[in-house]
N, C-alpha and C. Protein backbone atom coordinates (compact mmCIF):
# COMPACT_ATOMS: atom_id res chain seq x y z
N MET A 1 -10.73 -13.87 -5.16
CA MET A 1 -9.69 -12.85 -5.16
C MET A 1 -8.33 -13.47 -4.83
N THR A 2 -8.03 -14.60 -5.42
CA THR A 2 -6.74 -15.24 -5.15
C THR A 2 -5.76 -15.06 -6.30
N ASP A 3 -6.00 -14.09 -7.15
CA ASP A 3 -5.12 -13.81 -8.28
C ASP A 3 -3.83 -13.19 -7.78
N PRO A 4 -2.67 -13.84 -8.00
CA PRO A 4 -1.42 -13.27 -7.50
C PRO A 4 -1.00 -12.00 -8.25
N ARG A 5 -1.66 -11.70 -9.35
CA ARG A 5 -1.35 -10.48 -10.09
C ARG A 5 -2.49 -9.48 -9.95
N HIS A 6 -2.86 -9.26 -8.69
CA HIS A 6 -3.93 -8.32 -8.35
C HIS A 6 -3.40 -7.33 -7.34
N LEU A 7 -3.57 -6.05 -7.61
CA LEU A 7 -3.14 -5.00 -6.68
C LEU A 7 -4.37 -4.39 -6.03
N LEU A 8 -4.46 -4.49 -4.72
CA LEU A 8 -5.46 -3.79 -3.92
C LEU A 8 -4.76 -2.58 -3.35
N LEU A 9 -5.17 -1.39 -3.78
CA LEU A 9 -4.51 -0.15 -3.39
C LEU A 9 -5.49 0.67 -2.56
N VAL A 10 -5.27 0.67 -1.25
CA VAL A 10 -6.18 1.34 -0.31
C VAL A 10 -5.70 2.75 -0.05
N GLY A 11 -6.63 3.70 -0.16
CA GLY A 11 -6.29 5.10 0.02
C GLY A 11 -5.71 5.71 -1.24
N THR A 12 -6.21 5.30 -2.38
CA THR A 12 -5.69 5.77 -3.66
C THR A 12 -6.00 7.25 -3.87
N GLY A 13 -5.01 7.98 -4.31
CA GLY A 13 -5.20 9.39 -4.64
C GLY A 13 -4.63 9.69 -6.00
N PRO A 14 -4.73 10.93 -6.46
CA PRO A 14 -4.27 11.29 -7.80
C PRO A 14 -2.76 11.41 -7.92
N GLY A 15 -2.01 11.38 -6.82
CA GLY A 15 -0.56 11.51 -6.87
C GLY A 15 0.14 10.17 -6.83
N LEU A 16 0.64 9.81 -5.65
CA LEU A 16 1.39 8.56 -5.50
C LEU A 16 0.52 7.35 -5.84
N GLY A 17 -0.72 7.32 -5.37
CA GLY A 17 -1.60 6.18 -5.65
C GLY A 17 -1.76 5.95 -7.14
N ALA A 18 -1.98 7.03 -7.89
CA ALA A 18 -2.13 6.91 -9.34
C ALA A 18 -0.84 6.40 -9.98
N ALA A 19 0.31 6.88 -9.49
CA ALA A 19 1.59 6.43 -10.04
C ALA A 19 1.82 4.95 -9.76
N VAL A 20 1.50 4.49 -8.55
CA VAL A 20 1.65 3.07 -8.23
C VAL A 20 0.70 2.25 -9.09
N ALA A 21 -0.54 2.72 -9.26
CA ALA A 21 -1.50 2.00 -10.09
C ALA A 21 -0.98 1.86 -11.52
N ARG A 22 -0.45 2.94 -12.09
CA ARG A 22 0.09 2.88 -13.45
C ARG A 22 1.26 1.90 -13.55
N ARG A 23 2.12 1.92 -12.53
CA ARG A 23 3.32 1.05 -12.57
C ARG A 23 2.92 -0.42 -12.57
N PHE A 24 1.97 -0.80 -11.71
CA PHE A 24 1.54 -2.19 -11.65
C PHE A 24 0.70 -2.57 -12.87
N ALA A 25 -0.06 -1.63 -13.40
CA ALA A 25 -0.83 -1.90 -14.61
C ALA A 25 0.09 -2.22 -15.78
N ARG A 26 1.23 -1.51 -15.87
CA ARG A 26 2.20 -1.79 -16.94
C ARG A 26 2.72 -3.22 -16.87
N GLU A 27 2.69 -3.80 -15.68
CA GLU A 27 3.17 -5.17 -15.50
C GLU A 27 2.05 -6.20 -15.64
N GLY A 28 0.86 -5.75 -16.05
CA GLY A 28 -0.24 -6.67 -16.31
C GLY A 28 -1.11 -7.00 -15.11
N TYR A 29 -1.02 -6.21 -14.06
CA TYR A 29 -1.83 -6.46 -12.87
C TYR A 29 -3.27 -6.00 -13.06
N ARG A 30 -4.18 -6.70 -12.43
CA ARG A 30 -5.57 -6.28 -12.28
C ARG A 30 -5.60 -5.40 -11.04
N LEU A 31 -6.39 -4.32 -11.06
CA LEU A 31 -6.35 -3.35 -9.98
C LEU A 31 -7.71 -3.18 -9.30
N THR A 32 -7.66 -3.05 -7.98
CA THR A 32 -8.81 -2.58 -7.21
C THR A 32 -8.33 -1.36 -6.46
N LEU A 33 -8.89 -0.21 -6.81
CA LEU A 33 -8.48 1.06 -6.23
C LEU A 33 -9.53 1.51 -5.23
N VAL A 34 -9.11 1.70 -3.99
CA VAL A 34 -10.02 2.11 -2.91
C VAL A 34 -9.73 3.57 -2.60
N ALA A 35 -10.77 4.40 -2.66
CA ALA A 35 -10.62 5.83 -2.42
C ALA A 35 -11.81 6.35 -1.64
N ARG A 36 -11.57 7.38 -0.86
CA ARG A 36 -12.66 8.02 -0.12
C ARG A 36 -13.68 8.58 -1.10
N SER A 37 -13.18 9.18 -2.18
CA SER A 37 -14.05 9.74 -3.21
C SER A 37 -13.61 9.20 -4.57
N PRO A 38 -14.38 8.29 -5.16
CA PRO A 38 -13.98 7.73 -6.46
C PRO A 38 -13.80 8.79 -7.54
N GLU A 39 -14.46 9.92 -7.39
CA GLU A 39 -14.34 10.97 -8.39
C GLU A 39 -12.90 11.47 -8.49
N THR A 40 -12.17 11.43 -7.37
CA THR A 40 -10.80 11.94 -7.38
C THR A 40 -9.87 11.05 -8.20
N ILE A 41 -10.24 9.80 -8.41
CA ILE A 41 -9.38 8.91 -9.20
C ILE A 41 -10.07 8.42 -10.47
N ALA A 42 -11.19 9.05 -10.82
CA ALA A 42 -11.92 8.63 -12.01
C ALA A 42 -11.06 8.74 -13.27
N THR A 43 -10.27 9.79 -13.36
CA THR A 43 -9.45 10.00 -14.56
C THR A 43 -8.42 8.88 -14.71
N ILE A 44 -7.73 8.53 -13.62
CA ILE A 44 -6.74 7.46 -13.71
C ILE A 44 -7.40 6.13 -14.02
N ALA A 45 -8.56 5.87 -13.43
CA ALA A 45 -9.27 4.62 -13.71
C ALA A 45 -9.66 4.54 -15.18
N GLN A 46 -10.16 5.64 -15.74
CA GLN A 46 -10.53 5.67 -17.16
C GLN A 46 -9.30 5.48 -18.05
N GLU A 47 -8.21 6.14 -17.69
CA GLU A 47 -6.96 6.03 -18.46
C GLU A 47 -6.47 4.58 -18.48
N LEU A 48 -6.49 3.93 -17.32
CA LEU A 48 -6.02 2.55 -17.23
C LEU A 48 -6.93 1.59 -17.98
N ARG A 49 -8.23 1.80 -17.87
CA ARG A 49 -9.18 0.96 -18.59
C ARG A 49 -9.01 1.11 -20.10
N ALA A 50 -8.78 2.34 -20.55
CA ALA A 50 -8.57 2.59 -21.98
C ALA A 50 -7.34 1.86 -22.50
N ALA A 51 -6.35 1.64 -21.60
CA ALA A 51 -5.13 0.92 -21.98
C ALA A 51 -5.29 -0.59 -21.83
N GLY A 52 -6.49 -1.04 -21.42
CA GLY A 52 -6.75 -2.48 -21.34
C GLY A 52 -6.61 -3.09 -19.96
N THR A 53 -6.42 -2.26 -18.93
CA THR A 53 -6.28 -2.78 -17.57
C THR A 53 -7.65 -3.01 -16.96
N ASP A 54 -7.80 -4.12 -16.26
CA ASP A 54 -9.02 -4.43 -15.51
C ASP A 54 -8.95 -3.64 -14.21
N VAL A 55 -9.82 -2.63 -14.07
CA VAL A 55 -9.78 -1.74 -12.91
C VAL A 55 -11.15 -1.68 -12.25
N ALA A 56 -11.18 -1.92 -10.94
CA ALA A 56 -12.38 -1.71 -10.15
C ALA A 56 -12.10 -0.56 -9.19
N VAL A 57 -13.09 0.29 -8.98
CA VAL A 57 -12.97 1.39 -8.03
C VAL A 57 -13.98 1.17 -6.92
N VAL A 58 -13.50 1.21 -5.68
CA VAL A 58 -14.34 0.97 -4.51
C VAL A 58 -14.29 2.21 -3.63
N GLN A 59 -15.45 2.69 -3.20
CA GLN A 59 -15.50 3.86 -2.32
C GLN A 59 -15.42 3.42 -0.87
N ALA A 60 -14.42 3.92 -0.15
CA ALA A 60 -14.28 3.67 1.28
C ALA A 60 -13.23 4.62 1.83
N ASP A 61 -13.40 5.00 3.07
CA ASP A 61 -12.44 5.85 3.77
C ASP A 61 -11.51 4.94 4.55
N ALA A 62 -10.23 4.92 4.19
CA ALA A 62 -9.26 4.05 4.88
C ALA A 62 -9.11 4.40 6.35
N GLY A 63 -9.48 5.61 6.74
CA GLY A 63 -9.41 6.01 8.13
C GLY A 63 -10.62 5.59 8.95
N ASP A 64 -11.62 5.03 8.29
CA ASP A 64 -12.84 4.58 8.95
C ASP A 64 -12.93 3.07 8.81
N ALA A 65 -12.56 2.36 9.88
CA ALA A 65 -12.47 0.90 9.81
C ALA A 65 -13.78 0.25 9.38
N ALA A 66 -14.90 0.76 9.88
CA ALA A 66 -16.20 0.16 9.53
C ALA A 66 -16.50 0.36 8.05
N SER A 67 -16.23 1.55 7.53
CA SER A 67 -16.45 1.83 6.11
C SER A 67 -15.56 0.95 5.24
N LEU A 68 -14.30 0.82 5.64
CA LEU A 68 -13.36 0.02 4.87
C LEU A 68 -13.77 -1.45 4.87
N ARG A 69 -14.14 -1.96 6.03
CA ARG A 69 -14.57 -3.36 6.14
C ARG A 69 -15.80 -3.62 5.29
N ALA A 70 -16.77 -2.71 5.35
CA ALA A 70 -18.00 -2.88 4.57
C ALA A 70 -17.72 -2.88 3.08
N ALA A 71 -16.80 -2.03 2.65
CA ALA A 71 -16.48 -1.94 1.23
C ALA A 71 -15.70 -3.15 0.73
N LEU A 72 -14.79 -3.67 1.57
CA LEU A 72 -13.93 -4.76 1.13
C LEU A 72 -14.52 -6.14 1.39
N SER A 73 -15.48 -6.24 2.29
CA SER A 73 -16.05 -7.55 2.63
C SER A 73 -16.59 -8.31 1.43
N PRO A 74 -17.24 -7.65 0.46
CA PRO A 74 -17.68 -8.43 -0.71
C PRO A 74 -16.52 -9.03 -1.51
N LEU A 75 -15.32 -8.45 -1.36
CA LEU A 75 -14.15 -8.94 -2.10
C LEU A 75 -13.44 -10.04 -1.35
N TYR A 76 -13.42 -9.94 -0.02
CA TYR A 76 -12.68 -10.87 0.82
C TYR A 76 -13.52 -11.22 2.03
N ALA A 77 -13.20 -12.32 2.69
CA ALA A 77 -13.81 -12.63 3.99
C ALA A 77 -12.99 -11.91 5.05
N ALA A 78 -13.64 -11.18 5.94
CA ALA A 78 -12.91 -10.38 6.92
C ALA A 78 -13.34 -10.71 8.34
N SER A 79 -12.44 -10.46 9.28
CA SER A 79 -12.76 -10.60 10.69
C SER A 79 -12.70 -9.23 11.35
N ASP A 80 -13.13 -9.15 12.62
CA ASP A 80 -13.20 -7.87 13.30
C ASP A 80 -11.82 -7.37 13.72
N GLY A 81 -11.67 -6.04 13.80
CA GLY A 81 -10.43 -5.44 14.27
C GLY A 81 -10.36 -3.99 13.88
N PRO A 82 -9.72 -3.13 14.68
CA PRO A 82 -9.68 -1.70 14.41
C PRO A 82 -8.54 -1.31 13.47
N GLY A 83 -8.72 -0.14 12.85
CA GLY A 83 -7.64 0.45 12.08
C GLY A 83 -7.62 0.03 10.64
N GLY A 84 -7.40 1.01 9.74
CA GLY A 84 -7.38 0.72 8.31
C GLY A 84 -6.32 -0.28 7.90
N ALA A 85 -5.13 -0.19 8.47
CA ALA A 85 -4.06 -1.12 8.11
C ALA A 85 -4.40 -2.53 8.57
N VAL A 86 -4.93 -2.64 9.78
CA VAL A 86 -5.29 -3.95 10.31
C VAL A 86 -6.43 -4.56 9.50
N VAL A 87 -7.44 -3.74 9.20
CA VAL A 87 -8.57 -4.24 8.41
C VAL A 87 -8.09 -4.69 7.03
N THR A 88 -7.25 -3.90 6.40
CA THR A 88 -6.73 -4.27 5.08
C THR A 88 -6.01 -5.61 5.15
N ALA A 89 -5.17 -5.78 6.17
CA ALA A 89 -4.46 -7.06 6.32
C ALA A 89 -5.44 -8.19 6.57
N GLN A 90 -6.43 -7.96 7.41
CA GLN A 90 -7.39 -9.02 7.72
C GLN A 90 -8.18 -9.46 6.50
N VAL A 91 -8.47 -8.54 5.60
CA VAL A 91 -9.26 -8.92 4.44
C VAL A 91 -8.39 -9.45 3.30
N ALA A 92 -7.13 -9.06 3.25
CA ALA A 92 -6.27 -9.48 2.14
C ALA A 92 -5.46 -10.74 2.42
N VAL A 93 -5.03 -10.94 3.66
CA VAL A 93 -4.14 -12.06 3.97
C VAL A 93 -4.74 -13.42 3.61
N PRO A 94 -6.02 -13.70 3.90
CA PRO A 94 -6.56 -15.01 3.50
C PRO A 94 -6.45 -15.26 2.00
N ALA A 95 -6.69 -14.23 1.20
CA ALA A 95 -6.57 -14.39 -0.25
C ALA A 95 -5.12 -14.59 -0.66
N MET A 96 -4.20 -13.90 0.01
CA MET A 96 -2.78 -14.08 -0.30
C MET A 96 -2.33 -15.49 0.07
N ARG A 97 -2.79 -15.98 1.19
CA ARG A 97 -2.45 -17.36 1.56
C ARG A 97 -2.96 -18.33 0.51
N ALA A 98 -4.19 -18.13 0.06
CA ALA A 98 -4.77 -19.01 -0.96
C ALA A 98 -4.00 -18.93 -2.27
N ALA A 99 -3.44 -17.74 -2.56
CA ALA A 99 -2.67 -17.56 -3.79
C ALA A 99 -1.23 -18.03 -3.66
N GLY A 100 -0.81 -18.39 -2.44
CA GLY A 100 0.55 -18.85 -2.23
C GLY A 100 1.54 -17.77 -1.86
N GLY A 101 1.05 -16.56 -1.61
CA GLY A 101 1.93 -15.46 -1.20
C GLY A 101 1.41 -14.13 -1.69
N GLY A 102 2.15 -13.09 -1.35
CA GLY A 102 1.79 -11.74 -1.76
C GLY A 102 2.62 -10.72 -1.01
N THR A 103 2.27 -9.46 -1.21
CA THR A 103 3.00 -8.37 -0.57
C THR A 103 2.01 -7.38 0.03
N LEU A 104 2.30 -6.95 1.25
CA LEU A 104 1.53 -5.90 1.95
C LEU A 104 2.50 -4.79 2.31
N LEU A 105 2.38 -3.65 1.69
CA LEU A 105 3.22 -2.50 2.03
C LEU A 105 2.36 -1.39 2.59
N PHE A 106 2.77 -0.83 3.72
CA PHE A 106 2.03 0.24 4.37
C PHE A 106 2.88 1.51 4.30
N THR A 107 2.33 2.54 3.66
CA THR A 107 3.07 3.77 3.43
C THR A 107 3.04 4.67 4.65
N GLY A 108 4.22 5.12 5.05
CA GLY A 108 4.35 6.07 6.15
C GLY A 108 5.27 7.19 5.75
N GLY A 109 5.48 8.10 6.68
CA GLY A 109 6.35 9.24 6.40
C GLY A 109 7.30 9.51 7.54
N GLY A 110 8.13 10.51 7.34
CA GLY A 110 9.18 10.85 8.29
C GLY A 110 8.70 11.33 9.63
N PHE A 111 7.40 11.67 9.75
CA PHE A 111 6.90 12.10 11.06
C PHE A 111 7.01 10.98 12.09
N ALA A 112 7.10 9.75 11.64
CA ALA A 112 7.30 8.63 12.58
C ALA A 112 8.69 8.70 13.21
N ASP A 113 9.63 9.37 12.55
CA ASP A 113 10.98 9.53 13.07
C ASP A 113 11.12 10.83 13.86
N ALA A 114 10.56 11.92 13.30
CA ALA A 114 10.78 13.25 13.88
C ALA A 114 9.96 13.49 15.14
N LEU A 115 8.75 12.97 15.20
CA LEU A 115 7.85 13.14 16.34
C LEU A 115 7.73 14.59 16.80
N PRO A 116 7.40 15.51 15.88
CA PRO A 116 7.25 16.91 16.31
C PRO A 116 6.04 17.06 17.24
N GLU A 117 6.21 17.81 18.32
CA GLU A 117 5.14 17.97 19.30
C GLU A 117 3.90 18.60 18.69
N SER A 118 4.10 19.49 17.73
CA SER A 118 2.96 20.18 17.12
C SER A 118 2.11 19.25 16.27
N LEU A 119 2.66 18.10 15.91
CA LEU A 119 1.94 17.13 15.09
C LEU A 119 1.90 15.77 15.78
N ALA A 120 1.68 15.79 17.08
CA ALA A 120 1.76 14.57 17.88
C ALA A 120 0.80 13.49 17.39
N THR A 121 -0.43 13.85 17.10
CA THR A 121 -1.42 12.85 16.68
C THR A 121 -1.00 12.20 15.37
N LEU A 122 -0.56 13.00 14.42
CA LEU A 122 -0.10 12.46 13.13
C LEU A 122 1.12 11.57 13.33
N SER A 123 2.07 12.04 14.13
CA SER A 123 3.29 11.28 14.37
C SER A 123 3.00 9.93 15.02
N LEU A 124 2.13 9.94 16.04
CA LEU A 124 1.80 8.70 16.72
C LEU A 124 1.10 7.73 15.78
N GLY A 125 0.27 8.25 14.89
CA GLY A 125 -0.38 7.38 13.90
C GLY A 125 0.64 6.72 12.99
N LYS A 126 1.66 7.47 12.58
CA LYS A 126 2.70 6.91 11.72
C LYS A 126 3.53 5.86 12.47
N VAL A 127 3.82 6.12 13.75
CA VAL A 127 4.56 5.15 14.56
C VAL A 127 3.74 3.87 14.71
N ALA A 128 2.43 4.02 14.96
CA ALA A 128 1.56 2.84 15.11
C ALA A 128 1.49 2.05 13.81
N LEU A 129 1.41 2.74 12.68
CA LEU A 129 1.37 2.06 11.39
C LEU A 129 2.64 1.25 11.16
N ARG A 130 3.79 1.84 11.49
CA ARG A 130 5.06 1.13 11.35
C ARG A 130 5.08 -0.11 12.25
N ALA A 131 4.57 0.02 13.47
CA ALA A 131 4.54 -1.12 14.39
C ALA A 131 3.65 -2.24 13.86
N VAL A 132 2.49 -1.88 13.32
CA VAL A 132 1.59 -2.89 12.74
C VAL A 132 2.30 -3.61 11.60
N ALA A 133 2.96 -2.85 10.72
CA ALA A 133 3.66 -3.45 9.58
C ALA A 133 4.76 -4.39 10.05
N THR A 134 5.49 -4.00 11.09
CA THR A 134 6.57 -4.84 11.62
C THR A 134 6.02 -6.15 12.17
N MET A 135 4.94 -6.05 12.95
CA MET A 135 4.33 -7.27 13.50
C MET A 135 3.83 -8.20 12.39
N LEU A 136 3.19 -7.61 11.39
CA LEU A 136 2.69 -8.42 10.28
C LEU A 136 3.84 -9.08 9.52
N ALA A 137 4.93 -8.33 9.33
CA ALA A 137 6.09 -8.89 8.61
C ALA A 137 6.58 -10.15 9.31
N ARG A 138 6.65 -10.09 10.62
CA ARG A 138 7.15 -11.23 11.39
C ARG A 138 6.16 -12.40 11.39
N GLN A 139 4.87 -12.08 11.45
CA GLN A 139 3.85 -13.12 11.52
C GLN A 139 3.61 -13.81 10.17
N LEU A 140 3.79 -13.10 9.09
CA LEU A 140 3.37 -13.61 7.78
C LEU A 140 4.49 -14.16 6.92
N ARG A 141 5.72 -13.94 7.31
CA ARG A 141 6.85 -14.38 6.49
C ARG A 141 6.79 -15.87 6.15
N ASP A 142 6.44 -16.69 7.12
CA ASP A 142 6.39 -18.14 6.87
C ASP A 142 5.26 -18.54 5.94
N ASP A 143 4.31 -17.61 5.70
CA ASP A 143 3.23 -17.86 4.74
C ASP A 143 3.59 -17.33 3.35
N ASN A 144 4.87 -16.97 3.15
CA ASN A 144 5.34 -16.41 1.89
C ASN A 144 4.65 -15.08 1.58
N ILE A 145 4.31 -14.34 2.63
CA ILE A 145 3.72 -13.02 2.47
C ILE A 145 4.72 -11.99 2.97
N HIS A 146 5.07 -11.10 2.08
CA HIS A 146 6.06 -10.06 2.33
C HIS A 146 5.31 -8.83 2.84
N ALA A 147 5.47 -8.50 4.10
CA ALA A 147 4.82 -7.34 4.69
C ALA A 147 5.88 -6.40 5.23
N GLY A 148 5.57 -5.13 5.23
CA GLY A 148 6.50 -4.16 5.79
C GLY A 148 6.00 -2.75 5.62
N SER A 149 6.71 -1.82 6.23
CA SER A 149 6.38 -0.40 6.08
C SER A 149 7.28 0.20 5.01
N PHE A 150 6.75 1.20 4.34
CA PHE A 150 7.46 1.90 3.28
C PHE A 150 7.44 3.37 3.67
N THR A 151 8.54 3.84 4.25
CA THR A 151 8.62 5.20 4.78
C THR A 151 9.21 6.13 3.73
N ILE A 152 8.46 7.14 3.35
CA ILE A 152 8.91 8.12 2.36
C ILE A 152 9.46 9.31 3.12
N LEU A 153 10.77 9.55 2.99
CA LEU A 153 11.46 10.57 3.77
C LEU A 153 11.63 11.87 2.99
N GLY A 154 10.55 12.35 2.44
CA GLY A 154 10.56 13.61 1.70
C GLY A 154 9.18 13.87 1.15
N GLN A 155 9.00 15.08 0.63
CA GLN A 155 7.72 15.47 0.06
C GLN A 155 7.65 15.03 -1.39
N ILE A 156 6.55 14.41 -1.76
CA ILE A 156 6.37 13.94 -3.14
C ILE A 156 6.08 15.14 -4.03
N VAL A 157 7.03 15.42 -4.94
CA VAL A 157 6.93 16.56 -5.85
C VAL A 157 7.44 16.11 -7.22
N ALA A 158 6.66 16.40 -8.25
CA ALA A 158 7.05 16.03 -9.62
C ALA A 158 8.39 16.64 -9.99
N GLY A 159 9.20 15.85 -10.70
CA GLY A 159 10.48 16.32 -11.20
C GLY A 159 11.61 16.35 -10.18
N THR A 160 11.36 15.82 -9.00
CA THR A 160 12.39 15.77 -7.95
C THR A 160 12.76 14.32 -7.70
N PRO A 161 13.76 14.05 -6.84
CA PRO A 161 14.05 12.67 -6.47
C PRO A 161 12.86 11.97 -5.81
N PHE A 162 11.86 12.77 -5.37
CA PHE A 162 10.66 12.21 -4.75
C PHE A 162 9.46 12.30 -5.69
N ASP A 163 9.73 12.27 -6.99
CA ASP A 163 8.66 12.23 -7.99
C ASP A 163 7.82 10.97 -7.77
N ALA A 164 6.49 11.08 -7.89
CA ALA A 164 5.60 9.95 -7.63
C ALA A 164 5.96 8.73 -8.48
N ASP A 165 6.38 8.93 -9.72
CA ASP A 165 6.75 7.79 -10.58
C ASP A 165 8.00 7.09 -10.06
N ARG A 166 8.95 7.84 -9.51
CA ARG A 166 10.14 7.21 -8.91
C ARG A 166 9.77 6.39 -7.68
N VAL A 167 8.86 6.94 -6.87
CA VAL A 167 8.42 6.21 -5.69
C VAL A 167 7.68 4.95 -6.12
N ALA A 168 6.85 5.06 -7.16
CA ALA A 168 6.13 3.88 -7.66
C ALA A 168 7.09 2.81 -8.16
N ASP A 169 8.17 3.21 -8.82
CA ASP A 169 9.18 2.24 -9.26
C ASP A 169 9.80 1.53 -8.06
N ALA A 170 10.00 2.26 -6.97
CA ALA A 170 10.55 1.65 -5.76
C ALA A 170 9.56 0.67 -5.15
N TYR A 171 8.27 1.01 -5.17
CA TYR A 171 7.25 0.06 -4.70
C TYR A 171 7.32 -1.22 -5.52
N TRP A 172 7.45 -1.08 -6.83
CA TRP A 172 7.51 -2.25 -7.71
C TRP A 172 8.73 -3.11 -7.36
N ALA A 173 9.88 -2.46 -7.17
CA ALA A 173 11.10 -3.20 -6.83
C ALA A 173 10.95 -3.94 -5.51
N VAL A 174 10.39 -3.29 -4.51
CA VAL A 174 10.21 -3.92 -3.21
C VAL A 174 9.23 -5.09 -3.31
N SER A 175 8.15 -4.91 -4.06
CA SER A 175 7.14 -5.97 -4.16
C SER A 175 7.68 -7.19 -4.89
N ASN A 176 8.76 -7.03 -5.64
CA ASN A 176 9.34 -8.14 -6.39
C ASN A 176 10.65 -8.64 -5.78
N ALA A 177 10.97 -8.18 -4.58
CA ALA A 177 12.20 -8.63 -3.93
C ALA A 177 12.11 -10.11 -3.59
N GLN A 178 13.23 -10.78 -3.66
CA GLN A 178 13.29 -12.18 -3.27
C GLN A 178 13.22 -12.30 -1.75
N PRO A 179 12.68 -13.40 -1.22
CA PRO A 179 12.51 -13.53 0.23
C PRO A 179 13.76 -13.27 1.06
N ASP A 180 14.92 -13.61 0.55
CA ASP A 180 16.13 -13.36 1.34
C ASP A 180 16.47 -11.87 1.44
N ALA A 181 15.80 -11.04 0.64
CA ALA A 181 16.03 -9.59 0.68
C ALA A 181 14.89 -8.84 1.37
N TRP A 182 13.88 -9.56 1.84
CA TRP A 182 12.74 -8.89 2.49
C TRP A 182 13.18 -8.19 3.76
N ARG A 183 12.60 -7.01 4.01
CA ARG A 183 12.85 -6.24 5.22
C ARG A 183 11.52 -5.90 5.87
N GLU A 184 11.57 -5.56 7.14
CA GLU A 184 10.36 -5.13 7.83
C GLU A 184 10.05 -3.67 7.54
N GLU A 185 11.07 -2.90 7.20
CA GLU A 185 10.87 -1.48 6.88
C GLU A 185 11.78 -1.09 5.72
N TYR A 186 11.21 -0.30 4.81
CA TYR A 186 11.96 0.27 3.70
C TYR A 186 11.87 1.79 3.84
N ARG A 187 12.99 2.46 3.57
CA ARG A 187 13.06 3.91 3.72
C ARG A 187 13.44 4.51 2.37
N PHE A 188 12.48 5.21 1.76
CA PHE A 188 12.73 5.83 0.46
C PHE A 188 13.29 7.23 0.68
N GLU A 189 14.53 7.41 0.22
CA GLU A 189 15.23 8.69 0.41
C GLU A 189 15.51 9.37 -0.92
N GLY A 190 14.76 9.01 -1.94
CA GLY A 190 14.95 9.62 -3.25
C GLY A 190 15.78 8.75 -4.18
N ALA A 191 16.16 7.57 -3.74
CA ALA A 191 16.91 6.64 -4.59
C ALA A 191 15.94 5.77 -5.36
N GLU A 192 16.44 5.01 -6.31
CA GLU A 192 15.58 4.14 -7.10
C GLU A 192 14.99 3.02 -6.25
N VAL A 193 15.80 2.41 -5.41
CA VAL A 193 15.32 1.33 -4.55
C VAL A 193 15.53 1.79 -3.11
N PRO A 194 14.51 1.71 -2.27
CA PRO A 194 14.66 2.20 -0.90
C PRO A 194 15.66 1.39 -0.09
N ALA A 195 16.33 2.08 0.78
CA ALA A 195 17.30 1.41 1.66
C ALA A 195 16.57 0.67 2.76
N PRO A 196 17.10 -0.48 3.20
CA PRO A 196 16.51 -1.12 4.37
C PRO A 196 16.76 -0.24 5.59
N ALA A 197 15.88 -0.35 6.56
CA ALA A 197 16.06 0.39 7.80
C ALA A 197 17.30 -0.12 8.52
N SER A 198 18.03 0.79 9.15
CA SER A 198 19.23 0.37 9.88
C SER A 198 18.90 -0.05 11.28
């Protein structure tokens, strides 16, 4: 799994995940789509395969570290550690190092900023995800691995500035940024390319 043109998309769904998969497929990437229920992304997988994309679908719950590790271990060598983001990094980073680099983007939302009391658990999870991404960005930069958080500051709705295809284009732009433009956090506010965090 040292192909530099391989997208491992953990937590793939029919909205943003499908849009990101389509965007990278258009660029000739081979895809591994990880979903809690493969049936939810069967249509996109079939569509991409019909267009000639090499697509594998793996069943795993990104919120269940043991499930995710078990599903990804045949693809990568993994070490122990909690959390879907940490497990994903642990299984992907060795392959990225072998390939000479790569990109790890962790998607978060505005609840990491707002911290509403009524959604404390969700907010704290988003804050923790951002912290993990920041630490990885700092640790992996010298290995030519671009890591960071990608915070979407709006609701993904078709036909709006937060259309899934627009967000997918921003993911593509960030994943192809030159090292001198790498950031630890990207904030998508409905623009084509997300702004760096201030």
